[in-house]
N, C-alpha and C. Protein backbone atom coordinates (compact mmCIF):
# COMPACT_ATOMS: atom_id res chain seq x y z
N UNK A 1 -213.44 1.53 97.09
CA UNK A 1 -214.08 2.30 96.02
C UNK A 1 -213.54 3.71 96.01
N UNK A 2 -213.40 4.27 97.27
CA UNK A 2 -212.89 5.64 97.37
C UNK A 2 -211.47 5.73 96.85
N UNK A 3 -210.65 4.68 97.12
CA UNK A 3 -209.27 4.68 96.65
C UNK A 3 -209.23 4.62 95.13
N UNK A 4 -210.10 3.77 94.56
CA UNK A 4 -210.13 3.63 93.11
C UNK A 4 -210.52 4.94 92.45
N UNK A 5 -211.55 5.61 93.03
CA UNK A 5 -211.99 6.88 92.46
C UNK A 5 -210.88 7.91 92.54
N UNK A 6 -210.15 7.91 93.68
CA UNK A 6 -209.06 8.87 93.86
C UNK A 6 -207.96 8.63 92.84
N UNK A 7 -207.59 7.36 92.66
CA UNK A 7 -206.56 7.03 91.67
C UNK A 7 -206.98 7.43 90.27
N UNK A 8 -208.27 7.21 89.98
CA UNK A 8 -208.76 7.56 88.65
C UNK A 8 -208.68 9.07 88.42
N UNK A 9 -209.04 9.84 89.46
CA UNK A 9 -209.00 11.30 89.36
C UNK A 9 -207.58 11.77 89.15
N UNK A 10 -206.63 11.19 89.95
CA UNK A 10 -205.23 11.56 89.81
C UNK A 10 -204.73 11.25 88.40
N UNK A 11 -205.19 10.10 87.86
CA UNK A 11 -204.77 9.72 86.52
C UNK A 11 -205.27 10.69 85.46
N UNK A 12 -206.51 11.12 85.60
CA UNK A 12 -207.08 12.08 84.66
C UNK A 12 -206.34 13.41 84.73
N UNK A 13 -206.08 13.88 85.97
CA UNK A 13 -205.37 15.15 86.17
C UNK A 13 -203.98 15.09 85.56
N UNK A 14 -203.28 13.96 85.79
CA UNK A 14 -201.93 13.82 85.24
C UNK A 14 -201.95 13.83 83.72
N UNK A 15 -202.93 13.14 83.13
CA UNK A 15 -203.03 13.11 81.67
C UNK A 15 -203.30 14.49 81.10
N UNK A 16 -204.19 15.24 81.77
CA UNK A 16 -204.48 16.60 81.32
C UNK A 16 -203.26 17.49 81.44
N UNK A 17 -202.52 17.31 82.54
CA UNK A 17 -201.33 18.13 82.75
C UNK A 17 -200.28 17.86 81.69
N UNK A 18 -200.09 16.57 81.38
CA UNK A 18 -199.11 16.22 80.34
C UNK A 18 -199.55 16.73 78.98
N UNK A 19 -200.84 16.64 78.72
CA UNK A 19 -201.35 17.14 77.44
C UNK A 19 -201.19 18.63 77.31
N UNK A 20 -201.40 19.36 78.44
CA UNK A 20 -201.25 20.81 78.42
C UNK A 20 -199.82 21.24 78.25
N UNK A 21 -198.87 20.41 78.68
CA UNK A 21 -197.45 20.76 78.59
C UNK A 21 -196.85 20.39 77.24
N UNK A 22 -197.57 19.59 76.45
CA UNK A 22 -197.02 19.15 75.18
C UNK A 22 -196.81 20.35 74.25
N UNK A 23 -195.67 20.39 73.60
CA UNK A 23 -195.35 21.48 72.69
C UNK A 23 -195.62 21.04 71.26
N UNK A 24 -196.47 21.78 70.57
CA UNK A 24 -196.79 21.43 69.19
C UNK A 24 -195.62 21.81 68.28
N UNK A 25 -195.26 20.94 67.36
CA UNK A 25 -194.20 21.28 66.41
C UNK A 25 -194.66 22.41 65.50
N UNK A 26 -193.74 23.24 65.04
CA UNK A 26 -194.13 24.36 64.16
C UNK A 26 -194.71 23.84 62.86
N UNK A 27 -195.67 24.59 62.32
CA UNK A 27 -196.29 24.20 61.06
C UNK A 27 -195.24 24.19 59.95
N UNK A 28 -195.35 23.25 59.04
CA UNK A 28 -194.39 23.13 57.95
C UNK A 28 -194.54 24.31 57.00
N UNK A 29 -193.41 24.93 56.65
CA UNK A 29 -193.44 26.10 55.79
C UNK A 29 -193.87 25.72 54.37
N UNK A 30 -194.64 26.60 53.75
CA UNK A 30 -195.10 26.37 52.37
C UNK A 30 -194.05 26.92 51.39
N UNK A 31 -193.33 26.03 50.75
CA UNK A 31 -192.25 26.42 49.84
C UNK A 31 -192.68 26.46 48.37
N UNK A 32 -193.98 26.48 48.11
CA UNK A 32 -194.46 26.42 46.72
C UNK A 32 -193.86 27.54 45.87
N UNK A 33 -193.96 28.79 46.34
CA UNK A 33 -193.44 29.93 45.58
C UNK A 33 -191.93 29.86 45.44
N UNK A 34 -191.26 29.41 46.51
CA UNK A 34 -189.79 29.29 46.50
C UNK A 34 -189.35 28.31 45.41
N UNK A 35 -189.98 27.15 45.37
CA UNK A 35 -189.59 26.13 44.40
C UNK A 35 -189.92 26.55 42.97
N UNK A 36 -190.99 27.31 42.80
CA UNK A 36 -191.34 27.78 41.46
C UNK A 36 -190.37 28.84 40.97
N UNK A 37 -189.93 29.71 41.86
CA UNK A 37 -189.04 30.81 41.48
C UNK A 37 -187.62 30.32 41.18
N UNK A 38 -187.15 29.30 41.91
CA UNK A 38 -185.81 28.73 41.73
C UNK A 38 -184.71 29.80 41.70
N UNK A 39 -184.59 30.60 42.75
CA UNK A 39 -183.56 31.65 42.75
C UNK A 39 -182.15 31.07 42.77
N UNK A 40 -181.26 31.69 42.02
CA UNK A 40 -179.86 31.27 41.97
C UNK A 40 -178.94 32.31 42.60
N UNK A 41 -179.31 33.59 42.48
CA UNK A 41 -178.47 34.67 43.00
C UNK A 41 -179.28 35.55 43.94
N UNK A 42 -178.61 36.02 44.99
CA UNK A 42 -179.27 36.81 46.04
C UNK A 42 -178.45 38.06 46.33
N UNK A 43 -179.12 39.20 46.39
CA UNK A 43 -178.50 40.43 46.86
C UNK A 43 -179.00 40.69 48.28
N UNK A 44 -178.07 40.83 49.22
CA UNK A 44 -178.41 41.05 50.62
C UNK A 44 -178.40 42.54 50.89
N UNK A 45 -179.54 43.08 51.31
CA UNK A 45 -179.65 44.50 51.60
C UNK A 45 -179.20 44.78 53.03
N UNK A 46 -178.63 45.96 53.30
CA UNK A 46 -178.23 46.31 54.67
C UNK A 46 -179.41 46.18 55.62
N UNK A 47 -179.22 45.51 56.75
CA UNK A 47 -180.32 45.27 57.69
C UNK A 47 -180.85 46.54 58.34
N UNK A 48 -182.15 46.55 58.57
CA UNK A 48 -182.76 47.58 59.40
C UNK A 48 -182.35 47.33 60.84
N UNK A 49 -182.02 48.37 61.56
CA UNK A 49 -181.58 48.23 62.94
C UNK A 49 -182.61 48.82 63.89
N UNK A 50 -183.29 47.95 64.64
CA UNK A 50 -184.28 48.38 65.62
C UNK A 50 -183.71 48.39 67.03
N UNK A 51 -182.42 48.08 67.16
CA UNK A 51 -181.75 48.08 68.46
C UNK A 51 -181.07 49.43 68.67
N UNK A 52 -180.67 49.75 69.91
CA UNK A 52 -179.98 51.01 70.16
C UNK A 52 -178.50 50.99 69.80
N UNK A 53 -177.96 49.85 69.42
CA UNK A 53 -176.53 49.72 69.13
C UNK A 53 -176.26 50.06 67.67
N UNK A 54 -175.44 51.08 67.43
CA UNK A 54 -175.18 51.54 66.06
C UNK A 54 -174.36 50.54 65.26
N UNK A 55 -173.72 49.57 65.92
CA UNK A 55 -172.89 48.60 65.22
C UNK A 55 -173.69 47.42 64.68
N UNK A 56 -174.97 47.36 65.01
CA UNK A 56 -175.77 46.19 64.67
C UNK A 56 -175.84 45.93 63.17
N UNK A 57 -176.10 46.97 62.38
CA UNK A 57 -176.27 46.77 60.93
C UNK A 57 -175.02 46.19 60.28
N UNK A 58 -173.88 46.82 60.51
CA UNK A 58 -172.64 46.36 59.86
C UNK A 58 -172.20 45.01 60.41
N UNK A 59 -172.39 44.77 61.70
CA UNK A 59 -171.96 43.52 62.31
C UNK A 59 -172.76 42.34 61.76
N UNK A 60 -174.07 42.50 61.65
CA UNK A 60 -174.91 41.43 61.13
C UNK A 60 -174.71 41.27 59.63
N UNK A 61 -174.65 42.38 58.90
CA UNK A 61 -174.49 42.33 57.44
C UNK A 61 -173.24 41.56 57.04
N UNK A 62 -172.16 41.75 57.77
CA UNK A 62 -170.89 41.12 57.41
C UNK A 62 -170.92 39.60 57.56
N UNK A 63 -171.97 39.07 58.21
CA UNK A 63 -172.00 37.64 58.46
C UNK A 63 -173.19 36.92 57.83
N UNK A 64 -173.89 37.62 56.95
CA UNK A 64 -175.04 37.00 56.29
C UNK A 64 -174.67 36.25 55.02
N UNK A 65 -173.59 36.67 54.39
CA UNK A 65 -173.21 36.08 53.10
C UNK A 65 -172.79 34.62 53.23
N UNK A 66 -172.00 34.29 54.25
CA UNK A 66 -171.42 32.95 54.37
C UNK A 66 -172.46 31.84 54.42
N UNK A 67 -173.46 31.89 55.31
CA UNK A 67 -174.42 30.78 55.34
C UNK A 67 -175.23 30.66 54.05
N UNK A 68 -175.50 31.78 53.38
CA UNK A 68 -176.23 31.71 52.11
C UNK A 68 -175.39 31.05 51.03
N UNK A 69 -174.11 31.42 50.98
CA UNK A 69 -173.21 30.82 50.00
C UNK A 69 -173.05 29.33 50.28
N UNK A 70 -172.91 28.96 51.55
CA UNK A 70 -172.79 27.56 51.93
C UNK A 70 -174.06 26.78 51.58
N UNK A 71 -175.20 27.47 51.58
CA UNK A 71 -176.47 26.82 51.26
C UNK A 71 -176.63 26.59 49.76
N UNK A 72 -175.74 27.23 48.95
CA UNK A 72 -175.77 26.96 47.52
C UNK A 72 -176.25 28.09 46.62
N UNK A 73 -176.05 29.35 47.08
CA UNK A 73 -176.47 30.49 46.27
C UNK A 73 -175.28 31.38 45.93
N UNK A 74 -175.38 32.07 44.78
CA UNK A 74 -174.41 33.13 44.51
C UNK A 74 -174.91 34.36 45.25
N UNK A 75 -174.06 34.92 46.11
CA UNK A 75 -174.43 36.09 46.90
C UNK A 75 -173.54 37.26 46.47
N UNK A 76 -174.16 38.35 46.09
CA UNK A 76 -173.39 39.52 45.67
C UNK A 76 -172.54 40.03 46.83
N UNK A 77 -171.27 40.37 46.57
CA UNK A 77 -170.38 40.85 47.63
C UNK A 77 -170.97 42.05 48.36
N UNK A 78 -170.93 42.01 49.68
CA UNK A 78 -171.54 43.05 50.51
C UNK A 78 -170.95 44.42 50.21
N UNK A 79 -169.62 44.49 50.07
CA UNK A 79 -168.97 45.79 49.83
C UNK A 79 -169.40 46.37 48.49
N UNK A 80 -169.55 45.52 47.48
CA UNK A 80 -169.99 45.98 46.17
C UNK A 80 -171.41 46.52 46.23
N UNK A 81 -172.27 45.83 46.95
CA UNK A 81 -173.66 46.26 47.07
C UNK A 81 -173.75 47.60 47.79
N UNK A 82 -173.03 47.75 48.89
CA UNK A 82 -173.09 49.00 49.65
C UNK A 82 -172.51 50.16 48.83
N UNK A 83 -171.44 49.90 48.09
CA UNK A 83 -170.84 50.96 47.28
C UNK A 83 -171.78 51.37 46.15
N UNK A 84 -172.49 50.41 45.58
CA UNK A 84 -173.44 50.72 44.53
C UNK A 84 -174.55 51.63 45.05
N UNK A 85 -175.06 51.31 46.22
CA UNK A 85 -176.09 52.17 46.82
C UNK A 85 -175.52 53.54 47.16
N UNK A 86 -174.29 53.56 47.68
CA UNK A 86 -173.66 54.83 48.05
C UNK A 86 -173.50 55.73 46.82
N UNK A 87 -173.09 55.15 45.70
CA UNK A 87 -172.91 55.92 44.48
C UNK A 87 -174.23 56.49 43.97
N UNK A 88 -175.32 55.90 44.42
CA UNK A 88 -176.65 56.39 44.03
C UNK A 88 -177.32 57.18 45.15
N UNK A 89 -176.51 57.60 46.14
CA UNK A 89 -177.01 58.46 47.20
C UNK A 89 -177.81 57.76 48.28
N UNK A 90 -177.65 56.46 48.40
CA UNK A 90 -178.39 55.70 49.41
C UNK A 90 -177.41 55.07 50.40
N UNK A 91 -177.44 55.56 51.63
CA UNK A 91 -176.55 55.04 52.66
C UNK A 91 -177.29 54.52 53.89
N UNK A 92 -178.57 54.81 53.99
CA UNK A 92 -179.37 54.42 55.15
C UNK A 92 -180.18 53.17 54.81
N UNK A 93 -180.09 52.16 55.69
CA UNK A 93 -180.77 50.88 55.44
C UNK A 93 -182.25 51.05 55.19
N UNK A 94 -182.88 51.95 55.93
CA UNK A 94 -184.32 52.17 55.76
C UNK A 94 -184.67 52.67 54.37
N UNK A 95 -183.81 53.53 53.82
CA UNK A 95 -184.05 54.05 52.47
C UNK A 95 -183.77 52.97 51.42
N UNK A 96 -182.71 52.20 51.65
CA UNK A 96 -182.33 51.15 50.70
C UNK A 96 -183.43 50.10 50.59
N UNK A 97 -184.04 49.76 51.71
CA UNK A 97 -185.05 48.71 51.69
C UNK A 97 -186.38 49.16 51.08
N UNK A 98 -186.48 50.45 50.74
CA UNK A 98 -187.69 50.92 50.05
C UNK A 98 -187.52 50.92 48.53
N UNK A 99 -186.32 50.61 48.05
CA UNK A 99 -186.09 50.55 46.61
C UNK A 99 -186.93 49.41 46.02
N UNK A 100 -187.59 49.67 44.92
CA UNK A 100 -188.48 48.69 44.32
C UNK A 100 -187.76 47.45 43.81
N UNK A 101 -188.47 46.34 43.81
CA UNK A 101 -187.89 45.06 43.35
C UNK A 101 -187.43 45.16 41.90
N UNK A 102 -188.19 45.85 41.06
CA UNK A 102 -187.81 45.98 39.66
C UNK A 102 -186.51 46.75 39.49
N UNK A 103 -186.31 47.78 40.33
CA UNK A 103 -185.08 48.56 40.27
C UNK A 103 -183.89 47.74 40.74
N UNK A 104 -184.05 46.97 41.81
CA UNK A 104 -182.98 46.11 42.30
C UNK A 104 -182.59 45.08 41.24
N UNK A 105 -183.59 44.54 40.57
CA UNK A 105 -183.33 43.56 39.51
C UNK A 105 -182.56 44.20 38.36
N UNK A 106 -182.94 45.43 38.04
CA UNK A 106 -182.28 46.14 36.94
C UNK A 106 -180.83 46.46 37.26
N UNK A 107 -180.56 46.90 38.50
CA UNK A 107 -179.21 47.32 38.89
C UNK A 107 -178.28 46.13 39.11
N UNK A 108 -178.76 45.11 39.81
CA UNK A 108 -177.89 44.00 40.20
C UNK A 108 -178.06 42.74 39.34
N UNK A 109 -179.22 42.60 38.73
CA UNK A 109 -179.46 41.38 37.97
C UNK A 109 -179.64 40.16 38.83
N UNK A 110 -179.98 40.36 40.10
CA UNK A 110 -180.17 39.25 41.02
C UNK A 110 -181.56 38.64 40.86
N UNK A 111 -181.68 37.38 41.25
CA UNK A 111 -182.99 36.72 41.21
C UNK A 111 -183.85 37.11 42.42
N UNK A 112 -183.19 37.31 43.56
CA UNK A 112 -183.94 37.59 44.79
C UNK A 112 -183.15 38.55 45.68
N UNK A 113 -183.86 39.19 46.59
CA UNK A 113 -183.24 40.10 47.56
C UNK A 113 -183.60 39.63 48.97
N UNK A 114 -182.62 39.74 49.88
CA UNK A 114 -182.85 39.37 51.27
C UNK A 114 -182.99 40.63 52.10
N UNK A 115 -184.15 40.79 52.73
CA UNK A 115 -184.44 41.92 53.60
C UNK A 115 -184.31 41.45 55.05
N UNK A 116 -183.44 42.09 55.81
CA UNK A 116 -183.15 41.65 57.17
C UNK A 116 -183.46 42.76 58.16
N UNK A 117 -183.97 42.38 59.33
CA UNK A 117 -184.21 43.33 60.42
C UNK A 117 -183.54 42.81 61.68
N UNK A 118 -182.80 43.68 62.37
CA UNK A 118 -182.17 43.33 63.65
C UNK A 118 -183.05 43.92 64.75
N UNK A 119 -183.73 43.07 65.50
CA UNK A 119 -184.62 43.56 66.55
C UNK A 119 -183.92 43.68 67.90
N UNK A 120 -182.87 42.87 68.11
CA UNK A 120 -182.09 42.97 69.35
C UNK A 120 -180.62 42.80 69.03
N UNK A 121 -179.81 43.63 69.67
CA UNK A 121 -178.36 43.52 69.47
C UNK A 121 -177.67 44.23 70.63
N UNK A 122 -176.86 43.49 71.36
CA UNK A 122 -176.09 44.12 72.42
C UNK A 122 -176.14 43.37 73.73
N UNK A 123 -175.54 43.99 74.73
CA UNK A 123 -175.38 43.36 76.04
C UNK A 123 -176.24 44.05 77.08
N UNK A 124 -176.94 43.24 77.87
CA UNK A 124 -177.74 43.74 78.99
C UNK A 124 -177.03 43.39 80.28
N UNK A 125 -176.81 44.37 81.13
CA UNK A 125 -176.10 44.16 82.39
C UNK A 125 -177.09 44.12 83.54
N UNK A 126 -176.98 43.05 84.35
CA UNK A 126 -177.77 42.91 85.55
C UNK A 126 -176.83 42.70 86.72
N UNK A 127 -177.36 42.50 87.90
CA UNK A 127 -176.54 42.50 89.11
C UNK A 127 -175.41 41.48 89.07
N UNK A 128 -175.73 40.24 88.73
CA UNK A 128 -174.71 39.19 88.79
C UNK A 128 -174.44 38.56 87.42
N UNK A 129 -174.77 39.24 86.37
CA UNK A 129 -174.52 38.66 85.05
C UNK A 129 -174.63 39.73 83.98
N UNK A 130 -174.12 39.40 82.80
CA UNK A 130 -174.31 40.24 81.62
C UNK A 130 -174.59 39.31 80.46
N UNK A 131 -175.61 39.62 79.68
CA UNK A 131 -176.06 38.73 78.62
C UNK A 131 -176.07 39.49 77.29
N UNK A 132 -175.40 38.92 76.30
CA UNK A 132 -175.38 39.49 74.96
C UNK A 132 -176.35 38.71 74.08
N UNK A 133 -177.27 39.42 73.47
CA UNK A 133 -178.30 38.78 72.66
C UNK A 133 -178.41 39.46 71.29
N UNK A 134 -178.56 38.64 70.27
CA UNK A 134 -178.82 39.14 68.92
C UNK A 134 -180.03 38.41 68.38
N UNK A 135 -181.01 39.17 67.88
CA UNK A 135 -182.21 38.58 67.29
C UNK A 135 -182.44 39.20 65.92
N UNK A 136 -182.62 38.36 64.92
CA UNK A 136 -182.78 38.84 63.55
C UNK A 136 -183.95 38.13 62.87
N UNK A 137 -184.52 38.80 61.89
CA UNK A 137 -185.55 38.19 61.06
C UNK A 137 -185.26 38.57 59.61
N UNK A 138 -185.79 37.80 58.68
CA UNK A 138 -185.50 38.05 57.27
C UNK A 138 -186.63 37.55 56.39
N UNK A 139 -186.69 38.14 55.20
CA UNK A 139 -187.61 37.64 54.16
C UNK A 139 -186.88 37.70 52.83
N UNK A 140 -187.06 36.65 52.06
CA UNK A 140 -186.46 36.55 50.74
C UNK A 140 -187.52 36.87 49.70
N UNK A 141 -187.24 37.88 48.86
CA UNK A 141 -188.24 38.37 47.91
C UNK A 141 -187.77 38.14 46.48
N UNK A 142 -188.65 37.58 45.68
CA UNK A 142 -188.37 37.37 44.26
C UNK A 142 -188.40 38.73 43.55
N UNK A 143 -187.32 39.08 42.86
CA UNK A 143 -187.23 40.40 42.24
C UNK A 143 -187.97 40.50 40.92
N UNK A 144 -188.42 39.39 40.38
CA UNK A 144 -189.21 39.43 39.14
C UNK A 144 -190.68 39.72 39.44
N UNK A 145 -191.18 39.14 40.51
CA UNK A 145 -192.61 39.27 40.81
C UNK A 145 -192.91 40.05 42.08
N UNK A 146 -191.90 40.22 42.95
CA UNK A 146 -192.13 40.87 44.24
C UNK A 146 -192.72 39.94 45.28
N UNK A 147 -192.81 38.66 44.95
CA UNK A 147 -193.39 37.68 45.87
C UNK A 147 -192.40 37.31 46.97
N UNK A 148 -192.92 37.19 48.20
CA UNK A 148 -192.09 36.72 49.31
C UNK A 148 -191.93 35.21 49.19
N UNK A 149 -190.71 34.76 48.98
CA UNK A 149 -190.44 33.34 48.80
C UNK A 149 -190.26 32.60 50.12
N UNK A 150 -189.74 33.33 51.11
CA UNK A 150 -189.46 32.71 52.40
C UNK A 150 -189.29 33.80 53.46
N UNK A 151 -189.64 33.48 54.71
CA UNK A 151 -189.37 34.38 55.82
C UNK A 151 -189.07 33.55 57.06
N UNK A 152 -188.27 34.11 57.94
CA UNK A 152 -187.89 33.38 59.15
C UNK A 152 -187.25 34.30 60.17
N UNK A 153 -186.94 33.76 61.33
CA UNK A 153 -186.32 34.53 62.40
C UNK A 153 -185.43 33.61 63.23
N UNK A 154 -184.41 34.20 63.86
CA UNK A 154 -183.50 33.42 64.71
C UNK A 154 -182.84 34.35 65.71
N UNK A 155 -182.30 33.77 66.76
CA UNK A 155 -181.60 34.56 67.77
C UNK A 155 -180.48 33.74 68.39
N UNK A 156 -179.60 34.42 69.09
CA UNK A 156 -178.50 33.76 69.80
C UNK A 156 -178.20 34.57 71.05
N UNK A 157 -177.86 33.88 72.12
CA UNK A 157 -177.58 34.55 73.39
C UNK A 157 -176.34 33.96 74.03
N UNK A 158 -175.56 34.80 74.69
CA UNK A 158 -174.31 34.35 75.29
C UNK A 158 -174.51 33.46 76.51
N UNK A 159 -175.71 33.44 77.08
CA UNK A 159 -175.92 32.62 78.28
C UNK A 159 -176.69 31.33 77.99
N UNK A 160 -176.73 30.90 76.72
CA UNK A 160 -177.47 29.70 76.37
C UNK A 160 -176.95 28.46 77.08
N UNK A 161 -175.64 28.38 77.26
CA UNK A 161 -175.04 27.19 77.89
C UNK A 161 -174.38 27.51 79.22
N UNK A 162 -174.76 28.64 79.83
CA UNK A 162 -174.11 29.03 81.08
C UNK A 162 -174.71 28.29 82.26
N UNK A 163 -173.92 28.15 83.30
CA UNK A 163 -174.37 27.53 84.55
C UNK A 163 -174.22 28.56 85.66
N UNK A 164 -175.33 29.18 86.03
CA UNK A 164 -175.29 30.26 87.00
C UNK A 164 -175.22 29.79 88.45
N UNK A 165 -175.26 28.48 88.68
CA UNK A 165 -175.29 27.98 90.05
C UNK A 165 -173.92 27.64 90.59
N UNK A 166 -172.93 27.45 89.74
CA UNK A 166 -171.62 27.04 90.22
C UNK A 166 -170.86 28.22 90.80
N UNK A 167 -170.22 28.01 91.96
CA UNK A 167 -169.40 29.06 92.56
C UNK A 167 -170.16 29.99 93.48
N UNK A 168 -171.47 29.85 93.57
CA UNK A 168 -172.23 30.69 94.48
C UNK A 168 -172.24 32.15 94.04
N UNK A 169 -172.61 33.01 94.99
CA UNK A 169 -172.75 34.44 94.69
C UNK A 169 -171.41 35.07 94.34
N UNK A 170 -170.36 34.71 95.08
CA UNK A 170 -169.04 35.29 94.81
C UNK A 170 -168.57 34.92 93.41
N UNK A 171 -168.72 33.65 93.08
CA UNK A 171 -168.32 33.19 91.75
C UNK A 171 -169.11 33.89 90.66
N UNK A 172 -170.42 34.10 90.89
CA UNK A 172 -171.26 34.78 89.91
C UNK A 172 -170.83 36.22 89.72
N UNK A 173 -170.48 36.88 90.83
CA UNK A 173 -170.04 38.28 90.75
C UNK A 173 -168.72 38.40 89.99
N UNK A 174 -167.80 37.48 90.26
CA UNK A 174 -166.51 37.50 89.56
C UNK A 174 -166.71 37.25 88.07
N UNK A 175 -167.54 36.24 87.75
CA UNK A 175 -167.80 35.92 86.35
C UNK A 175 -168.45 37.09 85.64
N UNK A 176 -169.39 37.76 86.30
CA UNK A 176 -170.07 38.90 85.71
C UNK A 176 -169.09 40.04 85.45
N UNK A 177 -168.16 40.26 86.40
CA UNK A 177 -167.17 41.33 86.23
C UNK A 177 -166.26 41.04 85.04
N UNK A 178 -165.83 39.80 84.92
CA UNK A 178 -164.96 39.42 83.80
C UNK A 178 -165.70 39.59 82.48
N UNK A 179 -166.94 39.13 82.42
CA UNK A 179 -167.72 39.25 81.20
C UNK A 179 -167.94 40.70 80.82
N UNK A 180 -168.16 41.55 81.84
CA UNK A 180 -168.40 42.96 81.55
C UNK A 180 -167.15 43.62 80.96
N UNK A 181 -165.98 43.26 81.49
CA UNK A 181 -164.73 43.80 80.96
C UNK A 181 -164.53 43.38 79.51
N UNK A 182 -164.78 42.10 79.22
CA UNK A 182 -164.64 41.59 77.86
C UNK A 182 -165.62 42.27 76.93
N UNK A 183 -166.87 42.40 77.37
CA UNK A 183 -167.90 43.00 76.52
C UNK A 183 -167.62 44.46 76.22
N UNK A 184 -167.02 45.16 77.20
CA UNK A 184 -166.73 46.58 77.00
C UNK A 184 -165.52 46.79 76.11
N UNK A 185 -164.60 45.82 76.07
CA UNK A 185 -163.39 45.97 75.28
C UNK A 185 -163.51 45.37 73.88
N UNK A 186 -164.56 44.60 73.64
CA UNK A 186 -164.77 43.99 72.32
C UNK A 186 -166.22 44.18 71.90
N UNK A 187 -166.49 43.91 70.65
CA UNK A 187 -167.86 43.92 70.14
C UNK A 187 -168.46 42.56 70.46
N UNK A 188 -169.03 42.43 71.65
CA UNK A 188 -169.53 41.13 72.09
C UNK A 188 -170.66 40.61 71.22
N UNK A 189 -171.37 41.51 70.57
CA UNK A 189 -172.48 41.08 69.74
C UNK A 189 -172.06 40.43 68.44
N UNK A 190 -170.79 40.63 68.04
CA UNK A 190 -170.36 40.13 66.74
C UNK A 190 -170.45 38.61 66.64
N UNK A 191 -169.94 37.90 67.64
CA UNK A 191 -169.99 36.44 67.60
C UNK A 191 -171.42 35.93 67.69
N UNK A 192 -172.26 36.61 68.49
CA UNK A 192 -173.66 36.22 68.58
C UNK A 192 -174.38 36.47 67.26
N UNK A 193 -173.98 37.54 66.57
CA UNK A 193 -174.57 37.83 65.26
C UNK A 193 -174.24 36.72 64.27
N UNK A 194 -173.02 36.19 64.35
CA UNK A 194 -172.63 35.09 63.49
C UNK A 194 -173.47 33.85 63.74
N UNK A 195 -173.69 33.55 65.02
CA UNK A 195 -174.51 32.39 65.37
C UNK A 195 -175.94 32.56 64.92
N UNK A 196 -176.50 33.75 65.16
CA UNK A 196 -177.88 34.02 64.76
C UNK A 196 -178.03 33.96 63.24
N UNK A 197 -177.05 34.49 62.51
CA UNK A 197 -177.10 34.47 61.05
C UNK A 197 -177.05 33.04 60.52
N UNK A 198 -176.21 32.21 61.14
CA UNK A 198 -176.11 30.81 60.74
C UNK A 198 -177.43 30.08 60.99
N UNK A 199 -178.04 30.33 62.13
CA UNK A 199 -179.31 29.69 62.44
C UNK A 199 -180.42 30.17 61.51
N UNK A 200 -180.33 31.40 61.07
CA UNK A 200 -181.36 31.98 60.22
C UNK A 200 -181.27 31.47 58.78
N UNK A 201 -180.04 31.38 58.25
CA UNK A 201 -179.88 31.21 56.81
C UNK A 201 -179.21 29.91 56.36
N UNK A 202 -178.74 29.09 57.27
CA UNK A 202 -178.10 27.83 56.87
C UNK A 202 -179.10 26.92 56.19
N UNK A 203 -178.68 26.24 55.14
CA UNK A 203 -179.56 25.32 54.43
C UNK A 203 -179.84 24.07 55.25
N UNK A 204 -180.99 23.48 55.02
CA UNK A 204 -181.32 22.21 55.67
C UNK A 204 -181.97 22.33 57.02
N UNK A 205 -182.18 23.54 57.53
CA UNK A 205 -182.83 23.69 58.83
C UNK A 205 -184.35 23.65 58.67
N UNK A 206 -185.03 23.22 59.73
CA UNK A 206 -186.49 23.12 59.67
C UNK A 206 -187.09 24.49 59.39
N UNK A 207 -187.91 24.55 58.35
CA UNK A 207 -188.58 25.78 57.91
C UNK A 207 -187.59 26.88 57.53
N UNK A 208 -186.36 26.50 57.20
CA UNK A 208 -185.35 27.47 56.82
C UNK A 208 -185.21 27.60 55.32
N UNK A 209 -184.11 28.24 54.91
CA UNK A 209 -183.81 28.43 53.50
C UNK A 209 -183.59 27.07 52.82
N UNK A 210 -184.15 26.89 51.63
CA UNK A 210 -183.91 25.67 50.88
C UNK A 210 -182.49 25.69 50.31
N UNK A 211 -181.94 24.53 50.07
CA UNK A 211 -180.63 24.46 49.43
C UNK A 211 -180.72 25.06 48.03
N UNK A 212 -179.67 25.81 47.65
CA UNK A 212 -179.65 26.46 46.36
C UNK A 212 -179.02 25.59 45.28
N UNK A 213 -179.02 26.05 44.03
CA UNK A 213 -178.57 25.24 42.89
C UNK A 213 -177.07 24.94 42.88
N UNK A 214 -176.29 25.65 43.69
CA UNK A 214 -174.85 25.39 43.73
C UNK A 214 -174.47 24.47 44.89
N UNK A 215 -175.46 23.91 45.53
CA UNK A 215 -175.22 22.95 46.61
C UNK A 215 -175.42 21.53 46.10
N UNK A 216 -174.57 20.59 46.51
CA UNK A 216 -174.78 19.19 46.12
C UNK A 216 -176.06 18.61 46.70
N UNK A 217 -176.66 19.31 47.67
CA UNK A 217 -177.89 18.84 48.29
C UNK A 217 -179.12 19.50 47.66
N UNK A 218 -178.92 20.23 46.58
CA UNK A 218 -180.02 20.92 45.92
C UNK A 218 -181.12 19.94 45.53
N UNK A 219 -182.36 20.29 45.90
CA UNK A 219 -183.50 19.45 45.56
C UNK A 219 -183.79 18.33 46.51
N UNK A 220 -182.96 18.21 47.57
CA UNK A 220 -183.18 17.12 48.54
C UNK A 220 -184.06 17.53 49.70
N UNK A 221 -184.32 18.82 49.84
CA UNK A 221 -185.15 19.28 50.97
C UNK A 221 -186.55 19.66 50.52
C-alpha cells in the first residue's frame, strides 16, 4: 500500500512538473484592421535608436525594405524618404516619427507607415566570448485613419548556434579573441540587423506581417 501511495504521489508530482513546464503558444494576432485597410504601399521611417551605437539607425534602416518588398508591398526607397525629410529640415529619427499621419500621407501618398525602434544593437564583450545582438520592434500605421494595423518584435544574436564547450578554456579564449578582432574591424551588428529585420517583417511568419497585394500568396494567410 505504501509503495502504491508513493508511486501515485510521484506520478502526480511529475504531471504537475510537466504541466508547469509547458509553454503556451502566443495568442493569435487580430488582423481585422489590417485586412480592412488593405495597404499596398509603405513608407519606412528612420528607426528610433535606444542603443548606444550610433550606427544602429542607418544599419537597420538599410535592411528593412527587402523583407517588406518580398512580402508583397511597394516600399518607398529609403534614400528618397530620408532626402525628403532632410529637405524639410528633419534629420533626427525622433523628430521624423512625430510627423502626423495626415502629413505623411500628403507628402508621400503612402497607404501606411512603418515605425521602428532599435532597443539593442552592438557587441557585448565578456571574459571568454563576445556576443553581437540586435533587437527591433515595429508598428505599421494606416495613414488614412492613424490606426495601428500591426505590431511586432524580433531579435538576432551571433551566439544562437555557437558551441561554447568545444576546445575547453583555451579554445574559448582563442575564439573570443578572433571574434573581438572581427567585430572591431567590421560592423558586426549589420548582419544581425539583417536577420532581425527578416524575422520581423518577412511575410508568412506567425503573428507577422500579412502578405501584400504584390505577392502571389496574397490572401492566403
